[in-house]
PDB file of all heavy atoms in Angstrom:
ATOM      1  N   ASP A   1       0.824  -1.200   0.006  1.00  0.00           N
ATOM      2  CA  ASP A   1       0.006   0.003  -0.008  1.00  0.00           C
ATOM      3  C   ASP A   1       0.829   1.242   0.006  1.00  0.00           C
ATOM      4  O   ASP A   1       0.401   2.324  -0.459  1.00  0.00           O
ATOM      5  CB  ASP A   1      -0.921   0.026   1.223  1.00  0.00           C
ATOM      6  CG  ASP A   1      -2.053  -0.967   1.081  1.00  0.00           C
ATOM      7  OD1 ASP A   1      -2.299  -1.404  -0.061  1.00  0.00           O
ATOM      8  OD2 ASP A   1      -2.717  -1.276   2.074  1.00  0.00           O
ATOM      9  N   HIS A   2       2.039   1.214   0.530  1.00  0.00           N
ATOM     10  CA  HIS A   2       2.875   2.406   0.683  1.00  0.00           C
ATOM     11  C   HIS A   2       4.243   2.315  -0.030  1.00  0.00           C
ATOM     12  O   HIS A   2       5.003   3.291   0.012  1.00  0.00           O
ATOM     13  CB  HIS A   2       3.104   2.727   2.186  1.00  0.00           C
ATOM     14  CG  HIS A   2       1.808   2.957   2.911  1.00  0.00           C
ATOM     15  ND1 HIS A   2       1.116   4.142   2.833  1.00  0.00           N
ATOM     16  CD2 HIS A   2       1.115   2.166   3.734  1.00  0.00           C
ATOM     17  CE1 HIS A   2       0.034   4.068   3.567  1.00  0.00           C
ATOM     18  NE2 HIS A   2      -0.023   2.882   4.113  1.00  0.00           N
ATOM     19  N   LEU A   3       4.579   1.205  -0.628  1.00  0.00           N
ATOM     20  CA  LEU A   3       5.928   1.036  -1.203  1.00  0.00           C
ATOM     21  C   LEU A   3       5.777   0.631  -2.658  1.00  0.00           C
ATOM     22  O   LEU A   3       4.956  -0.202  -3.037  1.00  0.00           O
ATOM     23  CB  LEU A   3       6.692  -0.044  -0.456  1.00  0.00           C
ATOM     24  CG  LEU A   3       8.186  -0.107  -0.705  1.00  0.00           C
ATOM     25  CD1 LEU A   3       8.891   1.159  -0.189  1.00  0.00           C
ATOM     26  CD2 LEU A   3       8.782  -1.339  -0.012  1.00  0.00           C
ATOM     27  N   ALA A   4       6.602   1.307  -3.556  1.00  0.00           N
ATOM     28  CA  ALA A   4       6.530   1.066  -4.979  1.00  0.00           C
ATOM     29  C   ALA A   4       7.909   0.992  -5.551  1.00  0.00           C
ATOM     30  O   ALA A   4       8.855   1.613  -5.090  1.00  0.00           O
ATOM     31  CB  ALA A   4       5.735   2.168  -5.685  1.00  0.00           C
ATOM     32  N   LEU A   5       8.030   0.187  -6.601  1.00  0.00           N
ATOM     33  CA  LEU A   5       9.224   0.213  -7.439  1.00  0.00           C
ATOM     34  C   LEU A   5       9.061   1.379  -8.451  1.00  0.00           C
ATOM     35  O   LEU A   5       7.972   1.592  -8.979  1.00  0.00           O
ATOM     36  CB  LEU A   5       9.409  -1.109  -8.196  1.00  0.00           C
ATOM     37  CG  LEU A   5       9.740  -2.333  -7.346  1.00  0.00           C
ATOM     38  CD1 LEU A   5       9.814  -3.568  -8.235  1.00  0.00           C
ATOM     39  CD2 LEU A   5      11.078  -2.142  -6.625  1.00  0.00           C
ATOM     40  N   ARG A   6      10.139   2.117  -8.717  1.00  0.00           N
ATOM     41  CA  ARG A   6      10.051   3.286  -9.569  1.00  0.00           C
ATOM     42  C   ARG A   6      11.156   3.214 -10.632  1.00  0.00           C
ATOM     43  O   ARG A   6      12.318   3.215 -10.334  1.00  0.00           O
ATOM     44  CB  ARG A   6      10.226   4.562  -8.748  1.00  0.00           C
ATOM     45  CG  ARG A   6      10.163   5.854  -9.607  1.00  0.00           C
ATOM     46  CD  ARG A   6      10.507   7.095  -8.730  1.00  0.00           C
ATOM     47  NE  ARG A   6      10.481   8.279  -9.517  1.00  0.00           N
ATOM     48  CZ  ARG A   6       9.599   9.254  -9.440  1.00  0.00           C
ATOM     49  NH1 ARG A   6       8.616   9.098  -8.604  1.00  0.00           N
ATOM     50  NH2 ARG A   6       9.646  10.323 -10.176  1.00  0.00           N
ATOM     51  N   LEU A   7      10.738   3.115 -11.910  1.00  0.00           N
ATOM     52  CA  LEU A   7      11.650   3.132 -13.050  1.00  0.00           C
ATOM     53  C   LEU A   7      11.448   4.406 -13.806  1.00  0.00           C
ATOM     54  O   LEU A   7      10.330   4.770 -14.152  1.00  0.00           O
ATOM     55  CB  LEU A   7      11.357   1.929 -13.960  1.00  0.00           C
ATOM     56  CG  LEU A   7      12.169   1.834 -15.262  1.00  0.00           C
ATOM     57  CD1 LEU A   7      13.646   1.665 -14.973  1.00  0.00           C
ATOM     58  CD2 LEU A   7      11.663   0.726 -16.158  1.00  0.00           C
ATOM     59  N   GLU A   8      12.536   5.145 -14.045  1.00  0.00           N
ATOM     60  CA  GLU A   8      12.439   6.453 -14.703  1.00  0.00           C
ATOM     61  C   GLU A   8      13.588   6.669 -15.652  1.00  0.00           C
ATOM     62  O   GLU A   8      14.733   6.284 -15.342  1.00  0.00           O
ATOM     63  CB  GLU A   8      12.433   7.542 -13.613  1.00  0.00           C
ATOM     64  CG  GLU A   8      12.320   8.959 -14.197  1.00  0.00           C
ATOM     65  CD  GLU A   8      12.281  10.039 -13.127  1.00  0.00           C
ATOM     66  OE1 GLU A   8      12.098   9.667 -11.950  1.00  0.00           O
ATOM     67  OE2 GLU A   8      12.443  11.183 -13.461  1.00  0.00           O
ATOM     68  N   GLY A   9      13.258   7.231 -16.790  1.00  0.00           N
ATOM     69  CA  GLY A   9      14.281   7.705 -17.733  1.00  0.00           C
ATOM     70  C   GLY A   9      14.028   9.113 -18.101  1.00  0.00           C
ATOM     71  O   GLY A   9      12.855   9.527 -18.358  1.00  0.00           O
ATOM     72  N   ARG A  10      15.088   9.924 -18.178  1.00  0.00           N
ATOM     73  CA  ARG A  10      14.879  11.330 -18.592  1.00  0.00           C
ATOM     74  C   ARG A  10      16.095  11.803 -19.374  1.00  0.00           C
ATOM     75  O   ARG A  10      17.189  11.230 -19.287  1.00  0.00           O
ATOM     76  CB  ARG A  10      14.640  12.228 -17.382  1.00  0.00           C
ATOM     77  CG  ARG A  10      15.806  12.392 -16.427  1.00  0.00           C
ATOM     78  CD  ARG A  10      15.471  13.376 -15.291  1.00  0.00           C
ATOM     79  NE  ARG A  10      16.601  13.650 -14.423  1.00  0.00           N
ATOM     80  CZ  ARG A  10      16.881  12.968 -13.350  1.00  0.00           C
ATOM     81  NH1 ARG A  10      16.103  11.937 -12.991  1.00  0.00           N
ATOM     82  NH2 ARG A  10      17.932  13.262 -12.578  1.00  0.00           N
ATOM     83  N   ILE A  11      15.935  12.870 -20.117  1.00  0.00           N
ATOM     84  CA  ILE A  11      17.035  13.456 -20.920  1.00  0.00           C
ATOM     85  C   ILE A  11      17.059  14.928 -20.616  1.00  0.00           C
ATOM     86  O   ILE A  11      16.018  15.612 -20.600  1.00  0.00           O
ATOM     87  CB  ILE A  11      16.887  13.156 -22.412  1.00  0.00           C
ATOM     88  CG1 ILE A  11      18.042  13.804 -23.167  1.00  0.00           C
ATOM     89  CG2 ILE A  11      15.528  13.672 -22.954  1.00  0.00           C
ATOM     90  CD1 ILE A  11      18.127  13.403 -24.619  1.00  0.00           C
ATOM     91  N   ALA A  12      18.239  15.425 -20.296  1.00  0.00           N
ATOM     92  CA  ALA A  12      18.416  16.835 -19.955  1.00  0.00           C
ATOM     93  C   ALA A  12      19.213  17.559 -20.995  1.00  0.00           C
ATOM     94  O   ALA A  12      20.072  16.960 -21.719  1.00  0.00           O
ATOM     95  CB  ALA A  12      19.116  16.965 -18.594  1.00  0.00           C
ATOM     96  N   ARG A  13      18.998  18.845 -21.114  1.00  0.00           N
ATOM     97  CA  ARG A  13      19.770  19.742 -21.981  1.00  0.00           C
ATOM     98  C   ARG A  13      20.297  20.861 -21.106  1.00  0.00           C
ATOM     99  O   ARG A  13      19.498  21.600 -20.476  1.00  0.00           O
ATOM    100  CB  ARG A  13      18.910  20.293 -23.096  1.00  0.00           C
ATOM    101  CG  ARG A  13      19.574  21.274 -24.004  1.00  0.00           C
ATOM    102  CD  ARG A  13      20.624  20.644 -24.876  1.00  0.00           C
ATOM    103  NE  ARG A  13      20.985  21.530 -26.031  1.00  0.00           N
ATOM    104  CZ  ARG A  13      22.029  21.344 -26.812  1.00  0.00           C
ATOM    105  NH1 ARG A  13      22.857  20.318 -26.554  1.00  0.00           N
ATOM    106  NH2 ARG A  13      22.250  22.160 -27.813  1.00  0.00           N
ATOM    107  N   GLU A  14      21.632  20.990 -20.981  1.00  0.00           N
ATOM    108  CA  GLU A  14      22.223  22.016 -20.125  1.00  0.00           C
ATOM    109  C   GLU A  14      23.156  22.892 -20.909  1.00  0.00           C
ATOM    110  O   GLU A  14      23.883  22.466 -21.819  1.00  0.00           O
ATOM    111  CB  GLU A  14      23.005  21.324 -18.965  1.00  0.00           C
ATOM    112  CG  GLU A  14      22.114  20.550 -18.027  1.00  0.00           C
ATOM    113  CD  GLU A  14      22.888  19.960 -16.854  1.00  0.00           C
ATOM    114  OE1 GLU A  14      24.123  19.867 -16.923  1.00  0.00           O
ATOM    115  OE2 GLU A  14      22.258  19.647 -15.857  1.00  0.00           O
ATOM    116  N   PHE A  15      23.159  24.187 -20.514  1.00  0.00           N
ATOM    117  CA  PHE A  15      24.028  25.181 -21.186  1.00  0.00           C
ATOM    118  C   PHE A  15      25.000  25.711 -20.112  1.00  0.00           C
ATOM    119  O   PHE A  15      24.571  26.337 -19.145  1.00  0.00           O
ATOM    120  CB  PHE A  15      23.141  26.330 -21.759  1.00  0.00           C
ATOM    121  CG  PHE A  15      22.202  25.844 -22.815  1.00  0.00           C
ATOM    122  CD1 PHE A  15      20.935  25.373 -22.456  1.00  0.00           C
ATOM    123  CD2 PHE A  15      22.552  25.863 -24.155  1.00  0.00           C
ATOM    124  CE1 PHE A  15      20.051  24.885 -23.425  1.00  0.00           C
ATOM    125  CE2 PHE A  15      21.687  25.411 -25.123  1.00  0.00           C
ATOM    126  CZ  PHE A  15      20.420  24.933 -24.749  1.00  0.00           C
ATOM    127  N   TYR A  16      26.291  25.560 -20.353  1.00  0.00           N
ATOM    128  CA  TYR A  16      27.290  25.829 -19.372  1.00  0.00           C
ATOM    129  C   TYR A  16      27.925  27.216 -19.527  1.00  0.00           C
ATOM    130  O   TYR A  16      27.950  27.775 -20.663  1.00  0.00           O
ATOM    131  CB  TYR A  16      28.400  24.774 -19.453  1.00  0.00           C
ATOM    132  CG  TYR A  16      27.947  23.444 -18.876  1.00  0.00           C
ATOM    133  CD1 TYR A  16      27.139  22.575 -19.612  1.00  0.00           C
ATOM    134  CD2 TYR A  16      28.314  23.101 -17.585  1.00  0.00           C
ATOM    135  CE1 TYR A  16      26.724  21.375 -19.067  1.00  0.00           C
ATOM    136  CE2 TYR A  16      27.904  21.875 -17.030  1.00  0.00           C
ATOM    137  CZ  TYR A  16      27.110  21.014 -17.816  1.00  0.00           C
ATOM    138  OH  TYR A  16      26.661  19.846 -17.275  1.00  0.00           O
ATOM    139  N   GLN A  17      28.412  27.709 -18.413  1.00  0.00           N
ATOM    140  CA  GLN A  17      29.123  28.991 -18.430  1.00  0.00           C
ATOM    141  C   GLN A  17      30.498  28.900 -19.014  1.00  0.00           C
ATOM    142  O   GLN A  17      31.075  29.865 -19.511  1.00  0.00           O
ATOM    143  CB  GLN A  17      29.201  29.573 -17.009  1.00  0.00           C
ATOM    144  CG  GLN A  17      30.038  28.707 -16.065  1.00  0.00           C
ATOM    145  CD  GLN A  17      30.207  29.341 -14.709  1.00  0.00           C
ATOM    146  OE1 GLN A  17      29.638  30.383 -14.465  1.00  0.00           O
ATOM    147  NE2 GLN A  17      30.903  28.656 -13.800  1.00  0.00           N
ATOM    148  N   ASP A  18      31.071  27.726 -18.974  1.00  0.00           N
ATOM    149  CA  ASP A  18      32.416  27.474 -19.499  1.00  0.00           C
ATOM    150  C   ASP A  18      32.344  27.512 -21.034  1.00  0.00           C
ATOM    151  O   ASP A  18      31.631  26.714 -21.661  1.00  0.00           O
ATOM    152  CB  ASP A  18      32.942  26.135 -19.033  1.00  0.00           C
ATOM    153  CG  ASP A  18      34.428  25.944 -19.344  1.00  0.00           C
ATOM    154  OD1 ASP A  18      34.889  26.491 -20.349  1.00  0.00           O
ATOM    155  OD2 ASP A  18      35.106  25.271 -18.543  1.00  0.00           O
ATOM    156  N   PRO A  19      33.079  28.393 -21.729  1.00  0.00           N
ATOM    157  CA  PRO A  19      32.973  28.481 -23.194  1.00  0.00           C
ATOM    158  C   PRO A  19      33.460  27.196 -23.887  1.00  0.00           C
ATOM    159  O   PRO A  19      33.077  26.917 -25.015  1.00  0.00           O
ATOM    160  CB  PRO A  19      33.914  29.645 -23.522  1.00  0.00           C
ATOM    161  CG  PRO A  19      34.786  29.811 -22.382  1.00  0.00           C
ATOM    162  CD  PRO A  19      34.004  29.412 -21.193  1.00  0.00           C
ATOM    163  N   ASP A  20      34.270  26.346 -23.207  1.00  0.00           N
ATOM    164  CA  ASP A  20      34.715  25.132 -23.787  1.00  0.00           C
ATOM    165  C   ASP A  20      33.667  24.006 -23.710  1.00  0.00           C
ATOM    166  O   ASP A  20      33.780  22.994 -24.386  1.00  0.00           O
ATOM    167  CB  ASP A  20      35.991  24.661 -23.083  1.00  0.00           C
ATOM    168  CG  ASP A  20      37.136  25.583 -23.363  1.00  0.00           C
ATOM    169  OD1 ASP A  20      37.223  26.153 -24.473  1.00  0.00           O
ATOM    170  OD2 ASP A  20      37.967  25.787 -22.436  1.00  0.00           O
ATOM    171  N   VAL A  21      32.624  24.188 -22.865  1.00  0.00           N
ATOM    172  CA  VAL A  21      31.590  23.181 -22.710  1.00  0.00           C
ATOM    173  C   VAL A  21      30.385  23.529 -23.561  1.00  0.00           C
ATOM    174  O   VAL A  21      29.860  22.703 -24.249  1.00  0.00           O
ATOM    175  CB  VAL A  21      31.211  23.039 -21.218  1.00  0.00           C
ATOM    176  CG1 VAL A  21      30.156  21.960 -21.058  1.00  0.00           C
ATOM    177  CG2 VAL A  21      32.446  22.697 -20.380  1.00  0.00           C
ATOM    178  N   LYS A  22      29.926  24.752 -23.440  1.00  0.00           N
ATOM    179  CA  LYS A  22      28.790  25.238 -24.178  1.00  0.00           C
ATOM    180  C   LYS A  22      27.483  24.525 -23.776  1.00  0.00           C
ATOM    181  O   LYS A  22      26.779  24.922 -22.879  1.00  0.00           O
ATOM    182  CB  LYS A  22      29.019  25.166 -25.681  1.00  0.00           C
ATOM    183  CG  LYS A  22      30.150  26.088 -26.120  1.00  0.00           C
ATOM    184  CD  LYS A  22      30.331  26.034 -27.627  1.00  0.00           C
ATOM    185  CE  LYS A  22      31.487  26.929 -28.081  1.00  0.00           C
ATOM    186  NZ  LYS A  22      31.698  26.864 -29.528  1.00  0.00           N
ATOM    187  N   ALA A  23      27.135  23.385 -24.440  1.00  0.00           N
ATOM    188  CA  ALA A  23      25.871  22.687 -24.108  1.00  0.00           C
ATOM    189  C   ALA A  23      26.102  21.195 -24.170  1.00  0.00           C
ATOM    190  O   ALA A  23      27.009  20.695 -24.816  1.00  0.00           O
ATOM    191  CB  ALA A  23      24.798  23.122 -25.105  1.00  0.00           C
ATOM    192  N   ALA A  24      25.188  20.469 -23.465  1.00  0.00           N
ATOM    193  CA  ALA A  24      25.346  19.035 -23.407  1.00  0.00           C
ATOM    194  C   ALA A  24      24.002  18.354 -23.199  1.00  0.00           C
ATOM    195  O   ALA A  24      23.123  18.905 -22.539  1.00  0.00           O
ATOM    196  CB  ALA A  24      26.297  18.631 -22.227  1.00  0.00           C
ATOM    197  N   TYR A  25      23.840  17.181 -23.805  1.00  0.00           N
ATOM    198  CA  TYR A  25      22.687  16.300 -23.544  1.00  0.00           C
ATOM    199  C   TYR A  25      23.097  15.262 -22.481  1.00  0.00           C
ATOM    200  O   TYR A  25      24.179  14.645 -22.630  1.00  0.00           O
ATOM    201  CB  TYR A  25      22.244  15.586 -24.799  1.00  0.00           C
ATOM    202  CG  TYR A  25      21.548  16.488 -25.814  1.00  0.00           C
ATOM    203  CD1 TYR A  25      22.210  17.026 -26.912  1.00  0.00           C
ATOM    204  CD2 TYR A  25      20.179  16.760 -25.670  1.00  0.00           C
ATOM    205  CE1 TYR A  25      21.590  17.843 -27.808  1.00  0.00           C
ATOM    206  CE2 TYR A  25      19.519  17.571 -26.598  1.00  0.00           C
ATOM    207  CZ  TYR A  25      20.241  18.108 -27.654  1.00  0.00           C
ATOM    208  OH  TYR A  25      19.622  18.892 -28.562  1.00  0.00           O
ATOM    209  N   LEU A  26      22.226  15.016 -21.514  1.00  0.00           N
ATOM    210  CA  LEU A  26      22.581  14.098 -20.413  1.00  0.00           C
ATOM    211  C   LEU A  26      21.406  13.146 -20.149  1.00  0.00           C
ATOM    212  O   LEU A  26      20.541  13.442 -19.343  1.00  0.00           O
ATOM    213  CB  LEU A  26      22.927  14.860 -19.155  1.00  0.00           C
ATOM    214  CG  LEU A  26      24.136  15.764 -19.206  1.00  0.00           C
ATOM    215  CD1 LEU A  26      24.295  16.597 -17.938  1.00  0.00           C
ATOM    216  CD2 LEU A  26      25.412  14.958 -19.442  1.00  0.00           C
ATOM    217  N   PRO A  27      21.321  11.993 -20.821  1.00  0.00           N
ATOM    218  CA  PRO A  27      20.313  11.003 -20.554  1.00  0.00           C
ATOM    219  C   PRO A  27      20.618  10.259 -19.209  1.00  0.00           C
ATOM    220  O   PRO A  27      21.793   9.963 -18.929  1.00  0.00           O
ATOM    221  CB  PRO A  27      20.371  10.044 -21.702  1.00  0.00           C
ATOM    222  CG  PRO A  27      21.208  10.724 -22.746  1.00  0.00           C
ATOM    223  CD  PRO A  27      22.103  11.628 -22.024  1.00  0.00           C
ATOM    224  N   VAL A  28      19.581   9.990 -18.447  1.00  0.00           N
ATOM    225  CA  VAL A  28      19.716   9.304 -17.156  1.00  0.00           C
ATOM    226  C   VAL A  28      18.613   8.228 -17.066  1.00  0.00           C
ATOM    227  O   VAL A  28      17.442   8.510 -17.387  1.00  0.00           O
ATOM    228  CB  VAL A  28      19.597  10.273 -15.955  1.00  0.00           C
ATOM    229  CG1 VAL A  28      19.735   9.517 -14.664  1.00  0.00           C
ATOM    230  CG2 VAL A  28      20.609  11.385 -16.078  1.00  0.00           C
ATOM    231  N   VAL A  29      19.002   7.032 -16.613  1.00  0.00           N
ATOM    232  CA  VAL A  29      18.012   5.918 -16.345  1.00  0.00           C
ATOM    233  C   VAL A  29      18.264   5.470 -14.935  1.00  0.00           C
ATOM    234  O   VAL A  29      19.402   5.151 -14.585  1.00  0.00           O
ATOM    235  CB  VAL A  29      18.151   4.806 -17.332  1.00  0.00           C
ATOM    236  CG1 VAL A  29      17.175   3.689 -16.988  1.00  0.00           C
ATOM    237  CG2 VAL A  29      17.900   5.305 -18.751  1.00  0.00           C
ATOM    238  N   THR A  30      17.185   5.403 -14.117  1.00  0.00           N
ATOM    239  CA  THR A  30      17.314   4.973 -12.716  1.00  0.00           C
ATOM    240  C   THR A  30      16.217   4.022 -12.359  1.00  0.00           C
ATOM    241  O   THR A  30      15.097   4.079 -12.888  1.00  0.00           O
ATOM    242  CB  THR A  30      17.288   6.155 -11.720  1.00  0.00           C
ATOM    243  OG1 THR A  30      16.041   6.883 -11.913  1.00  0.00           O
ATOM    244  CG2 THR A  30      18.457   7.102 -11.976  1.00  0.00           C
ATOM    245  N   LEU A  31      16.520   3.126 -11.425  1.00  0.00           N
ATOM    246  CA  LEU A  31      15.575   2.183 -10.820  1.00  0.00           C
ATOM    247  C   LEU A  31      15.692   2.316  -9.314  1.00  0.00           C
ATOM    248  O   LEU A  31      16.790   2.250  -8.781  1.00  0.00           O
ATOM    249  CB  LEU A  31      15.838   0.792 -11.278  1.00  0.00           C
ATOM    250  CG  LEU A  31      14.953  -0.320 -10.666  1.00  0.00           C
ATOM    251  CD1 LEU A  31      13.479  -0.131 -11.055  1.00  0.00           C
ATOM    252  CD2 LEU A  31      15.442  -1.713 -11.062  1.00  0.00           C
ATOM    253  N   GLY A  32      14.552   2.453  -8.632  1.00  0.00           N
ATOM    254  CA  GLY A  32      14.618   2.625  -7.198  1.00  0.00           C
ATOM    255  C   GLY A  32      13.285   2.276  -6.555  1.00  0.00           C
ATOM    256  O   GLY A  32      12.437   1.594  -7.133  1.00  0.00           O
ATOM    257  N   ILE A  33      13.103   2.788  -5.330  1.00  0.00           N
ATOM    258  CA  ILE A  33      11.874   2.570  -4.595  1.00  0.00           C
ATOM    259  C   ILE A  33      11.282   3.911  -4.161  1.00  0.00           C
ATOM    260  O   ILE A  33      12.010   4.867  -3.952  1.00  0.00           O
ATOM    261  CB  ILE A  33      12.100   1.657  -3.363  1.00  0.00           C
ATOM    262  CG1 ILE A  33      13.139   2.277  -2.425  1.00  0.00           C
ATOM    263  CG2 ILE A  33      12.493   0.263  -3.793  1.00  0.00           C
ATOM    264  CD1 ILE A  33      13.319   1.522  -1.138  1.00  0.00           C
ATOM    265  N   SER A  34       9.969   3.932  -4.020  1.00  0.00           N
ATOM    266  CA  SER A  34       9.258   5.110  -3.504  1.00  0.00           C
ATOM    267  C   SER A  34       8.418   4.692  -2.279  1.00  0.00           C
ATOM    268  O   SER A  34       7.769   3.656  -2.327  1.00  0.00           O
ATOM    269  CB  SER A  34       8.332   5.720  -4.558  1.00  0.00           C
ATOM    270  OG  SER A  34       9.081   6.393  -5.545  1.00  0.00           O
ATOM    271  N   TYR A  35       8.445   5.529  -1.260  1.00  0.00           N
ATOM    272  CA  TYR A  35       7.595   5.285  -0.087  1.00  0.00           C
ATOM    273  C   TYR A  35       6.581   6.403  -0.010  1.00  0.00           C
ATOM    274  O   TYR A  35       6.926   7.608  -0.037  1.00  0.00           O
ATOM    275  CB  TYR A  35       8.432   5.240   1.207  1.00  0.00           C
ATOM    276  CG  TYR A  35       7.586   5.132   2.439  1.00  0.00           C
ATOM    277  CD1 TYR A  35       7.043   3.867   2.795  1.00  0.00           C
ATOM    278  CD2 TYR A  35       7.241   6.243   3.207  1.00  0.00           C
ATOM    279  CE1 TYR A  35       6.231   3.743   3.913  1.00  0.00           C
ATOM    280  CE2 TYR A  35       6.428   6.109   4.319  1.00  0.00           C
ATOM    281  CZ  TYR A  35       5.923   4.842   4.671  1.00  0.00           C
ATOM    282  OH  TYR A  35       5.123   4.721   5.726  1.00  0.00           O
ATOM    283  N   PHE A  36       5.292   6.043   0.093  1.00  0.00           N
ATOM    284  CA  PHE A  36       4.221   7.022   0.182  1.00  0.00           C
ATOM    285  C   PHE A  36       3.712   7.069   1.657  1.00  0.00           C
ATOM    286  O   PHE A  36       3.457   6.057   2.245  1.00  0.00           O
ATOM    287  CB  PHE A  36       3.037   6.584  -0.697  1.00  0.00           C
ATOM    288  CG  PHE A  36       3.372   6.654  -2.200  1.00  0.00           C
ATOM    289  CD1 PHE A  36       3.945   5.576  -2.830  1.00  0.00           C
ATOM    290  CD2 PHE A  36       3.074   7.777  -2.933  1.00  0.00           C
ATOM    291  CE1 PHE A  36       4.222   5.617  -4.165  1.00  0.00           C
ATOM    292  CE2 PHE A  36       3.357   7.851  -4.273  1.00  0.00           C
ATOM    293  CZ  PHE A  36       3.947   6.751  -4.901  1.00  0.00           C
ATOM    294  N   THR A  37       3.530   8.305   2.137  1.00  0.00           N
ATOM    295  CA  THR A  37       2.879   8.479   3.420  1.00  0.00           C
ATOM    296  C   THR A  37       1.375   8.316   3.200  1.00  0.00           C
ATOM    297  O   THR A  37       0.902   8.108   2.088  1.00  0.00           O
ATOM    298  CB  THR A  37       3.143   9.846   4.005  1.00  0.00           C
ATOM    299  OG1 THR A  37       2.609  10.854   3.113  1.00  0.00           O
ATOM    300  CG2 THR A  37       4.672  10.071   4.159  1.00  0.00           C
ATOM    301  N   HIS A  38       0.591   8.361   4.278  1.00  0.00           N
ATOM    302  CA  HIS A  38      -0.826   8.283   4.168  1.00  0.00           C
ATOM    303  C   HIS A  38      -1.336   9.435   3.358  1.00  0.00           C
ATOM    304  O   HIS A  38      -0.819  10.556   3.401  1.00  0.00           O
ATOM    305  CB  HIS A  38      -1.499   8.262   5.546  1.00  0.00           C
ATOM    306  CG  HIS A  38      -1.242   7.019   6.319  1.00  0.00           C
ATOM    307  ND1 HIS A  38      -1.907   5.815   6.060  1.00  0.00           N
ATOM    308  CD2 HIS A  38      -0.408   6.768   7.349  1.00  0.00           C
ATOM    309  CE1 HIS A  38      -1.485   4.901   6.887  1.00  0.00           C
ATOM    310  NE2 HIS A  38      -0.591   5.439   7.694  1.00  0.00           N
ATOM    311  N   GLY A  39      -2.404   9.176   2.555  1.00  0.00           N
ATOM    312  CA  GLY A  39      -3.007  10.203   1.703  1.00  0.00           C
ATOM    313  C   GLY A  39      -4.005  11.035   2.463  1.00  0.00           C
ATOM    314  O   GLY A  39      -3.944  11.163   3.668  1.00  0.00           O
ATOM    315  N   ARG A  40      -4.937  11.608   1.738  1.00  0.00           N
ATOM    316  CA  ARG A  40      -5.883  12.540   2.322  1.00  0.00           C
ATOM    317  C   ARG A  40      -6.752  11.873   3.367  1.00  0.00           C
ATOM    318  O   ARG A  40      -7.047  10.685   3.313  1.00  0.00           O
ATOM    319  CB  ARG A  40      -6.744  13.169   1.233  1.00  0.00           C
ATOM    320  CG  ARG A  40      -7.532  12.163   0.413  1.00  0.00           C
ATOM    321  CD  ARG A  40      -8.204  12.863  -0.761  1.00  0.00           C
ATOM    322  NE  ARG A  40      -8.768  11.893  -1.685  1.00  0.00           N
ATOM    323  CZ  ARG A  40      -9.257  12.251  -2.856  1.00  0.00           C
ATOM    324  NH1 ARG A  40      -9.309  13.501  -3.240  1.00  0.00           N
ATOM    325  NH2 ARG A  40      -9.719  11.328  -3.688  1.00  0.00           N
ATOM    326  N   ARG A  41      -7.224  12.649   4.302  1.00  0.00           N
ATOM    327  CA  ARG A  41      -8.075  12.202   5.391  1.00  0.00           C
ATOM    328  C   ARG A  41      -9.412  12.957   5.336  1.00  0.00           C
ATOM    329  O   ARG A  41      -9.467  14.083   4.826  1.00  0.00           O
ATOM    330  CB  ARG A  41      -7.454  12.475   6.742  1.00  0.00           C
ATOM    331  CG  ARG A  41      -6.210  11.651   6.988  1.00  0.00           C
ATOM    332  CD  ARG A  41      -6.615  10.220   7.323  1.00  0.00           C
ATOM    333  NE  ARG A  41      -5.500   9.462   7.866  1.00  0.00           N
ATOM    334  CZ  ARG A  41      -4.563   8.884   7.147  1.00  0.00           C
ATOM    335  NH1 ARG A  41      -4.614   8.967   5.844  1.00  0.00           N
ATOM    336  NH2 ARG A  41      -3.579   8.187   7.748  1.00  0.00           N
ATOM    337  N   THR A  42     -10.468  12.348   5.893  1.00  0.00           N
ATOM    338  CA  THR A  42     -11.710  13.066   6.037  1.00  0.00           C
ATOM    339  C   THR A  42     -11.571  14.097   7.115  1.00  0.00           C
ATOM    340  O   THR A  42     -11.057  13.829   8.188  1.00  0.00           O
ATOM    341  CB  THR A  42     -12.820  12.098   6.393  1.00  0.00           C
ATOM    342  OG1 THR A  42     -12.928  11.093   5.425  1.00  0.00           O
ATOM    343  CG2 THR A  42     -14.156  12.813   6.530  1.00  0.00           C
ATOM    344  N   PRO A  43     -11.975  15.384   6.859  1.00  0.00           N
ATOM    345  CA  PRO A  43     -11.838  16.408   7.871  1.00  0.00           C
ATOM    346  C   PRO A  43     -12.483  15.991   9.197  1.00  0.00           C
ATOM    347  O   PRO A  43     -13.571  15.395   9.206  1.00  0.00           O
ATOM    348  CB  PRO A  43     -12.562  17.613   7.276  1.00  0.00           C
ATOM    349  CG  PRO A  43     -12.493  17.367   5.794  1.00  0.00           C
ATOM    350  CD  PRO A  43     -12.557  15.880   5.625  1.00  0.00           C
TER     351      PRO A  43
END
């Protein structure tokens, strides 16, 4: 009820202050766990 496996992939685009770097694409793939606290309650 409160624990999940989490698979995520994302791609980033970054622009650097260093003139030798300029810009870069950075793909990331991660696998982990998520813990959820209790959700909404009746007032």
